[in-house]
Structures are given as C-alpha cells and as structure tokens.
Protein backbone atom coordinates (compact mmCIF):
# COMPACT_ATOMS: atom_id res chain seq x y z
CA MET A 1 134.68 127.66 129.65
CA LYS A 2 137.04 126.52 132.36
CA ILE A 3 135.88 122.91 132.87
CA THR A 4 133.46 120.38 131.48
CA VAL A 5 132.08 117.82 133.92
CA ILE A 6 130.95 114.64 132.19
CA VAL A 7 128.70 112.32 134.18
CA VAL A 8 128.25 108.86 132.68
CA HIS A 9 124.91 107.41 133.76
CA TRP A 10 123.29 103.98 133.60
CA ASN A 11 120.11 103.12 135.55
CA THR A 12 120.76 105.17 138.71
CA PRO A 13 118.42 108.18 138.32
CA GLU A 14 118.04 108.75 142.07
CA LEU A 15 121.80 109.06 142.56
CA LEU A 16 122.10 111.24 139.46
CA GLN A 17 119.39 113.60 140.67
CA LYS A 18 121.16 114.01 144.04
CA GLN A 19 124.36 114.86 142.25
CA LEU A 20 122.82 117.29 139.78
CA THR A 21 121.09 119.30 142.52
CA LEU A 22 124.56 120.23 143.82
CA PHE A 23 125.55 121.84 140.52
CA LYS A 24 124.42 125.43 140.19
CA PRO A 25 124.57 127.28 136.85
CA ASN A 26 128.07 128.72 136.49
CA LYS A 27 129.74 130.34 133.47
CA ASP A 28 132.98 128.43 134.18
CA ILE A 29 131.44 124.95 134.44
CA GLU A 30 129.72 122.99 131.70
CA ILE A 31 127.81 119.87 132.79
CA ILE A 32 127.16 117.01 130.37
CA VAL A 33 125.22 113.89 131.35
CA VAL A 34 125.72 110.89 129.08
CA ASP A 35 123.06 108.22 129.44
CA ASN A 36 124.23 104.78 128.30
CA ARG A 37 120.80 103.49 127.23
CA SER A 38 119.28 103.20 130.70
CA LYS A 39 116.00 101.39 131.19
CA LYS A 40 114.99 104.15 133.61
CA SER A 41 114.22 107.44 131.90
CA ILE A 42 116.12 110.58 132.84
CA ASP A 43 114.22 112.90 130.51
CA TRP A 44 113.41 114.99 133.60
CA ILE A 45 116.89 116.52 133.23
CA LYS A 46 115.71 118.63 130.29
CA LYS A 47 112.97 120.20 132.43
CA ASP A 48 114.59 120.30 135.88
CA PHE A 49 118.14 121.21 134.79
CA PRO A 50 117.92 123.22 131.55
CA ASN A 51 121.59 124.28 131.77
CA ILE A 52 122.78 120.67 131.63
CA THR A 53 123.43 118.96 128.30
CA LEU A 54 121.92 115.47 128.02
CA ILE A 55 123.35 112.96 125.57
CA LYS A 56 121.37 109.74 125.15
CA ASN A 57 123.42 106.96 123.60
CA SER A 58 121.52 104.44 121.49
CA ALA A 59 123.49 101.60 123.10
CA ASN A 60 125.36 101.01 126.34
CA LEU A 61 128.88 101.92 125.27
CA GLY A 62 130.41 101.23 128.68
CA TYR A 63 132.10 103.83 130.84
CA ALA A 64 134.88 104.72 128.40
CA GLY A 65 132.45 104.93 125.48
CA GLY A 66 130.16 107.17 127.52
CA CYS A 67 133.11 109.41 128.41
CA ASN A 68 134.03 109.67 124.73
CA SER A 69 130.45 110.67 123.84
CA GLY A 70 130.70 113.52 126.33
CA VAL A 71 134.13 114.65 125.15
CA LYS A 72 132.79 115.16 121.63
CA LYS A 73 130.48 117.92 122.97
CA ALA A 74 132.80 119.32 125.66
CA LYS A 75 133.90 122.95 125.48
CA GLY A 76 135.95 123.22 128.68
CA ASN A 77 139.71 123.56 128.95
CA TRP A 78 139.63 120.84 131.61
CA LEU A 79 137.61 117.61 131.75
CA LEU A 80 136.28 115.89 134.86
CA PHE A 81 134.63 112.48 134.52
CA LEU A 82 132.22 111.43 137.26
CA ASN A 83 130.02 108.53 138.21
CA PRO A 84 126.50 109.50 139.37
CA ASP A 85 127.27 108.59 142.99
CA VAL A 86 129.93 111.30 143.42
CA LEU A 87 128.65 114.26 145.43
CA ILE A 88 130.69 117.35 144.63
CA THR A 89 129.84 121.05 144.38
CA ASN A 90 130.82 123.73 141.88
CA LYS A 91 132.97 125.34 144.54
CA GLN A 92 134.92 122.14 145.14
CA ILE A 93 135.43 121.60 141.41
CA LEU A 94 136.70 125.15 140.86
CA GLU A 95 138.99 124.91 143.90
CA MET A 96 140.51 121.75 142.44
CA ILE A 97 141.05 123.40 139.04
CA ASN A 98 142.50 126.57 140.57
CA LEU A 99 144.93 124.48 142.63
CA ALA A 100 145.97 122.49 139.55
CA GLU A 101 146.51 125.67 137.53
CA LYS A 102 148.65 127.24 140.27
CA ASN A 103 150.85 124.16 140.53
C-alpha cells in the first residue's frame, strides 16, 4: 500500500460525500474516514463506498485525535490527512507521492 488517506469528519456529510465520490478503488490508495461522533449519520459509507474503512469514534476527539484513530488502522507507507471539504482525486494524490519519492 503506497498511501493511506485519512479523512477526519464531523457533521459535514454532504461535503464528505462529494469528496468520497472522487476516490476510485485503487490498490495503491487506502481511504479511512474517521467520524468524530457526528450528529449526522454517515453509515451510508458502508453501502455506497465498500472499499473505504469507516471508524466511528465514541467521542469527538478533535482533529488530532481523529487523525490518531486513523493512523492506528493505516497500512500505507505515506499518510495524507484531509478535511472533508478538500476535493482531490486519486491521480492527484499519486502524482504528489511520486514527486515526493523522486525528490
């Protein structure tokens, strides 16, 4: 696994859904969504995005705590932490990693 993308979420399911639709299944990219005890359910991830790992924290651990929850499950050589409002594609992520590895 080349990279794990960890998205920390709290009460912005519409933004999260927009972001997740840009990620296509890819053997080099692992996607983990960490929900920090949102009031708005994101259980639809399990059905709509079966290749994405969903972690549901029992409390709002804040951004850093959410990142740490994701890191515990991450398998990638690289980590990328995102907010749900970042719109980025697999191609852009892999280009960034390839550039970093070359330099």
